[in-house]
Amino acid sequence: MFIQSGLGLLSTPSNWFMNSIAFWTFMLLGSMCIGGFFMFRKFLKVLPKADGKSKLDWQNYWVERSRPLWSDETKAFLDQLVQPVPGPFRDIAKHSIAAEIGKIAVESNAKEVTRDHCIKGYIVATPRRDNRFLVNFLEKNKIDYSAYQHLFK
């Protein structure tokens, strides 16, 4: 029926089928673990803190509070800043960065959100590994970032 080859486990149809089932089982379990990790992170953001509001509640508060302060120019600048974020996560990243920018603008009693607020908010809201992208972006657009050096540390 089947010619015996050096493939060992793949020499019979039943072994091939069992290997296929095992492969897809591990793929499915791996995918569920990755999805579960991100779901758990989202769950932690929804848990209320000591003040009774969750991290997402505060983000929504700062976004809504600063909404009238945003101009079309600063919205476009924020869109440029979040370009390297993968598409499925871009809206979530944009919302959390916008919340931090809004918080900085409102707490400084600004009349509108400026590029300065956007850069400060981006640095504060993102992990340090993303600062490299920001520095490259600012250098490419010839924006002086020397005033923000203390925030990079």
C-alpha atoms as a PDB file:
ATOM      1  CA  MET A   1       0.000   0.000   0.000  1.00  0.00           C
ATOM      2  CA  PHE A   2       2.312   2.760   1.231  1.00  0.00           C
ATOM      3  CA  ILE A   3       5.967   2.718   0.503  1.00  0.00           C
ATOM      4  CA  GLN A   4       8.039   2.813   3.670  1.00  0.00           C
ATOM      5  CA  SER A   5      10.173   5.941   3.585  1.00  0.00           C
ATOM      6  CA  GLY A   6      12.434   7.742   5.984  1.00  0.00           C
ATOM      7  CA  LEU A   7       9.522   9.886   7.167  1.00  0.00           C
ATOM      8  CA  GLY A   8       8.676   7.496   9.999  1.00  0.00           C
ATOM      9  CA  LEU A   9       5.477   8.900  11.524  1.00  0.00           C
ATOM     10  CA  LEU A  10       4.001  10.020   8.220  1.00  0.00           C
ATOM     11  CA  SER A  11       4.138   6.561   6.630  1.00  0.00           C
ATOM     12  CA  THR A  12       0.476   5.667   7.184  1.00  0.00           C
ATOM     13  CA  PRO A  13      -2.689   7.681   6.673  1.00  0.00           C
ATOM     14  CA  SER A  14      -3.786   7.321  10.309  1.00  0.00           C
ATOM     15  CA  ASN A  15      -0.481   8.693  11.644  1.00  0.00           C
ATOM     16  CA  TRP A  16      -0.675  11.631   9.243  1.00  0.00           C
ATOM     17  CA  PHE A  17      -4.214  12.369  10.398  1.00  0.00           C
ATOM     18  CA  MET A  18      -3.262  12.141  14.094  1.00  0.00           C
ATOM     19  CA  ASN A  19      -0.292  14.462  13.553  1.00  0.00           C
ATOM     20  CA  SER A  20      -2.567  16.913  11.781  1.00  0.00           C
ATOM     21  CA  ILE A  21      -5.049  16.814  14.678  1.00  0.00           C
ATOM     22  CA  ALA A  22      -2.225  17.334  17.198  1.00  0.00           C
ATOM     23  CA  PHE A  23      -0.839  20.289  15.220  1.00  0.00           C
ATOM     24  CA  TRP A  24      -4.186  22.059  14.993  1.00  0.00           C
ATOM     25  CA  THR A  25      -4.891  21.341  18.667  1.00  0.00           C
ATOM     26  CA  PHE A  26      -1.696  23.160  19.650  1.00  0.00           C
ATOM     27  CA  MET A  27      -2.487  26.000  17.220  1.00  0.00           C
ATOM     28  CA  LEU A  28      -5.958  26.399  18.711  1.00  0.00           C
ATOM     29  CA  LEU A  29      -4.684  26.280  22.297  1.00  0.00           C
ATOM     30  CA  GLY A  30      -1.960  28.810  21.477  1.00  0.00           C
ATOM     31  CA  SER A  31      -4.460  31.185  19.886  1.00  0.00           C
ATOM     32  CA  MET A  32      -6.806  30.882  22.857  1.00  0.00           C
ATOM     33  CA  CYS A  33      -3.951  31.591  25.278  1.00  0.00           C
ATOM     34  CA  ILE A  34      -2.922  34.701  23.368  1.00  0.00           C
ATOM     35  CA  GLY A  35      -6.528  35.923  23.187  1.00  0.00           C
ATOM     36  CA  GLY A  36      -7.051  35.139  26.860  1.00  0.00           C
ATOM     37  CA  PHE A  37      -3.988  37.183  27.770  1.00  0.00           C
ATOM     38  CA  PHE A  38      -5.377  40.268  26.024  1.00  0.00           C
ATOM     39  CA  MET A  39      -8.853  39.702  27.470  1.00  0.00           C
ATOM     40  CA  PHE A  40      -7.371  39.479  30.962  1.00  0.00           C
ATOM     41  CA  ARG A  41      -5.476  42.731  30.438  1.00  0.00           C
ATOM     42  CA  LYS A  42      -8.735  44.399  29.362  1.00  0.00           C
ATOM     43  CA  PHE A  43     -10.471  42.938  32.426  1.00  0.00           C
ATOM     44  CA  LEU A  44      -7.831  44.479  34.703  1.00  0.00           C
ATOM     45  CA  LYS A  45      -8.465  47.905  33.162  1.00  0.00           C
ATOM     46  CA  VAL A  46     -12.169  47.641  34.002  1.00  0.00           C
ATOM     47  CA  LEU A  47     -11.643  46.866  37.697  1.00  0.00           C
ATOM     48  CA  PRO A  48     -12.368  49.892  39.910  1.00  0.00           C
ATOM     49  CA  LYS A  49      -9.453  51.494  41.725  1.00  0.00           C
ATOM     50  CA  ALA A  50      -9.476  53.017  45.232  1.00  0.00           C
ATOM     51  CA  ASP A  51     -11.415  56.071  44.005  1.00  0.00           C
ATOM     52  CA  GLY A  52     -14.207  53.877  42.587  1.00  0.00           C
ATOM     53  CA  LYS A  53     -13.369  54.516  38.924  1.00  0.00           C
ATOM     54  CA  SER A  54     -11.521  52.172  36.619  1.00  0.00           C
ATOM     55  CA  LYS A  55      -8.686  53.075  34.282  1.00  0.00           C
ATOM     56  CA  LEU A  56     -11.145  53.052  31.352  1.00  0.00           C
ATOM     57  CA  ASP A  57     -13.539  55.339  33.257  1.00  0.00           C
ATOM     58  CA  TRP A  58     -10.723  57.858  33.740  1.00  0.00           C
ATOM     59  CA  GLN A  59      -9.704  57.598  30.096  1.00  0.00           C
ATOM     60  CA  ASN A  60     -13.268  58.293  28.978  1.00  0.00           C
ATOM     61  CA  TYR A  61     -13.503  61.185  31.465  1.00  0.00           C
ATOM     62  CA  TRP A  62     -10.359  62.904  30.162  1.00  0.00           C
ATOM     63  CA  VAL A  63     -11.296  62.354  26.509  1.00  0.00           C
ATOM     64  CA  GLU A  64     -14.770  63.839  27.027  1.00  0.00           C
ATOM     65  CA  ARG A  65     -13.485  66.697  29.175  1.00  0.00           C
ATOM     66  CA  SER A  66     -10.878  67.691  26.587  1.00  0.00           C
ATOM     67  CA  ARG A  67     -13.002  67.105  23.471  1.00  0.00           C
ATOM     68  CA  PRO A  68     -13.697  70.833  22.827  1.00  0.00           C
ATOM     69  CA  LEU A  69      -9.973  71.627  23.103  1.00  0.00           C
ATOM     70  CA  TRP A  70      -8.935  69.505  20.116  1.00  0.00           C
ATOM     71  CA  SER A  71      -8.381  71.178  16.730  1.00  0.00           C
ATOM     72  CA  ASP A  72      -8.246  69.440  13.364  1.00  0.00           C
ATOM     73  CA  GLU A  73      -4.483  70.019  13.271  1.00  0.00           C
ATOM     74  CA  THR A  74      -3.839  68.285  16.604  1.00  0.00           C
ATOM     75  CA  LYS A  75      -6.168  65.413  15.676  1.00  0.00           C
ATOM     76  CA  ALA A  76      -4.165  64.926  12.473  1.00  0.00           C
ATOM     77  CA  PHE A  77      -0.923  65.085  14.464  1.00  0.00           C
ATOM     78  CA  LEU A  78      -2.218  62.382  16.832  1.00  0.00           C
ATOM     79  CA  ASP A  79      -3.157  60.251  13.813  1.00  0.00           C
ATOM     80  CA  GLN A  80       0.426  60.569  12.565  1.00  0.00           C
ATOM     81  CA  LEU A  81       1.792  59.577  15.971  1.00  0.00           C
ATOM     82  CA  VAL A  82      -0.240  56.363  16.142  1.00  0.00           C
ATOM     83  CA  GLN A  83       0.509  55.269  12.557  1.00  0.00           C
ATOM     84  CA  PRO A  84       3.032  52.548  13.554  1.00  0.00           C
ATOM     85  CA  VAL A  85       0.497  50.828  15.828  1.00  0.00           C
ATOM     86  CA  PRO A  86      -1.017  47.761  14.103  1.00  0.00           C
ATOM     87  CA  GLY A  87      -4.470  48.430  12.653  1.00  0.00           C
ATOM     88  CA  PRO A  88      -6.573  46.311  15.036  1.00  0.00           C
ATOM     89  CA  PHE A  89      -5.056  48.050  18.071  1.00  0.00           C
ATOM     90  CA  ARG A  90      -4.767  51.587  16.664  1.00  0.00           C
ATOM     91  CA  ASP A  91      -8.140  52.881  17.926  1.00  0.00           C
ATOM     92  CA  ILE A  92      -7.503  51.636  21.455  1.00  0.00           C
ATOM     93  CA  ALA A  93      -3.993  53.107  21.498  1.00  0.00           C
ATOM     94  CA  LYS A  94      -5.266  56.393  20.093  1.00  0.00           C
ATOM     95  CA  HIS A  95      -7.958  56.597  22.772  1.00  0.00           C
ATOM     96  CA  SER A  96      -5.567  55.972  25.664  1.00  0.00           C
ATOM     97  CA  ILE A  97      -2.987  58.424  24.289  1.00  0.00           C
ATOM     98  CA  ALA A  98      -5.698  61.032  23.650  1.00  0.00           C
ATOM     99  CA  ALA A  99      -6.867  60.609  27.257  1.00  0.00           C
ATOM    100  CA  GLU A 100      -3.372  61.355  28.570  1.00  0.00           C
ATOM    101  CA  ILE A 101      -3.004  64.320  26.215  1.00  0.00           C
ATOM    102  CA  GLY A 102      -6.401  65.643  27.316  1.00  0.00           C
ATOM    103  CA  LYS A 103      -5.469  65.240  30.963  1.00  0.00           C
ATOM    104  CA  ILE A 104      -2.253  67.222  30.465  1.00  0.00           C
ATOM    105  CA  ALA A 105      -4.087  69.957  28.532  1.00  0.00           C
ATOM    106  CA  VAL A 106      -6.957  70.285  31.033  1.00  0.00           C
ATOM    107  CA  GLU A 107      -4.666  70.266  34.072  1.00  0.00           C
ATOM    108  CA  SER A 108      -2.535  73.009  32.517  1.00  0.00           C
ATOM    109  CA  ASN A 109      -5.686  75.110  31.895  1.00  0.00           C
ATOM    110  CA  ALA A 110      -4.940  75.312  28.177  1.00  0.00           C
ATOM    111  CA  LYS A 111      -7.379  76.893  25.760  1.00  0.00           C
ATOM    112  CA  GLU A 112      -6.654  74.207  23.188  1.00  0.00           C
ATOM    113  CA  VAL A 113      -4.584  71.065  22.754  1.00  0.00           C
ATOM    114  CA  THR A 114      -1.228  71.860  21.127  1.00  0.00           C
ATOM    115  CA  ARG A 115       1.558  69.793  19.592  1.00  0.00           C
ATOM    116  CA  ASP A 116       3.429  70.269  22.856  1.00  0.00           C
ATOM    117  CA  HIS A 117       0.593  68.557  24.745  1.00  0.00           C
ATOM    118  CA  CYS A 118       0.500  65.778  22.126  1.00  0.00           C
ATOM    119  CA  ILE A 119       4.212  65.054  22.437  1.00  0.00           C
ATOM    120  CA  LYS A 120       4.147  65.117  26.246  1.00  0.00           C
ATOM    121  CA  GLY A 121       1.037  62.936  26.355  1.00  0.00           C
ATOM    122  CA  TYR A 122       2.488  60.445  23.885  1.00  0.00           C
ATOM    123  CA  ILE A 123       5.673  60.092  25.935  1.00  0.00           C
ATOM    124  CA  VAL A 124       3.756  59.609  29.189  1.00  0.00           C
ATOM    125  CA  ALA A 125       1.092  57.271  27.758  1.00  0.00           C
ATOM    126  CA  THR A 126       3.319  54.908  25.806  1.00  0.00           C
ATOM    127  CA  PRO A 127       5.917  52.406  26.996  1.00  0.00           C
ATOM    128  CA  ARG A 128       9.584  53.383  26.779  1.00  0.00           C
ATOM    129  CA  ARG A 129      10.182  51.047  23.847  1.00  0.00           C
ATOM    130  CA  ASP A 130       7.975  53.330  21.701  1.00  0.00           C
ATOM    131  CA  ASN A 131      10.047  56.424  22.497  1.00  0.00           C
ATOM    132  CA  ARG A 132      12.495  55.415  19.764  1.00  0.00           C
ATOM    133  CA  PHE A 133       9.733  55.780  17.162  1.00  0.00           C
ATOM    134  CA  LEU A 134       8.753  59.180  18.546  1.00  0.00           C
ATOM    135  CA  VAL A 135      12.325  60.474  18.396  1.00  0.00           C
ATOM    136  CA  ASN A 136      12.656  59.258  14.785  1.00  0.00           C
ATOM    137  CA  PHE A 137       9.304  60.855  13.914  1.00  0.00           C
ATOM    138  CA  LEU A 138      10.272  64.195  15.495  1.00  0.00           C
ATOM    139  CA  GLU A 139      13.669  64.230  13.784  1.00  0.00           C
ATOM    140  CA  LYS A 140      12.112  63.356  10.432  1.00  0.00           C
ATOM    141  CA  ASN A 141       9.632  66.245  10.786  1.00  0.00           C
ATOM    142  CA  LYS A 142      12.350  68.598  12.120  1.00  0.00           C
ATOM    143  CA  ILE A 143      10.592  69.166  15.470  1.00  0.00           C
ATOM    144  CA  ASP A 144      12.863  70.129  18.365  1.00  0.00           C
ATOM    145  CA  TYR A 145      12.388  67.663  21.211  1.00  0.00           C
ATOM    146  CA  SER A 146      15.075  68.914  23.594  1.00  0.00           C
ATOM    147  CA  ALA A 147      12.390  70.251  25.974  1.00  0.00           C
ATOM    148  CA  TYR A 148      11.072  66.686  26.444  1.00  0.00           C
ATOM    149  CA  GLN A 149      14.379  64.942  27.265  1.00  0.00           C
ATOM    150  CA  HIS A 150      13.471  64.729  30.959  1.00  0.00           C
ATOM    151  CA  LEU A 151      10.308  62.772  30.070  1.00  0.00           C
ATOM    152  CA  PHE A 152      12.245  60.122  28.151  1.00  0.00           C
ATOM    153  CA  LYS A 153      14.015  58.966  31.317  1.00  0.00           C
END
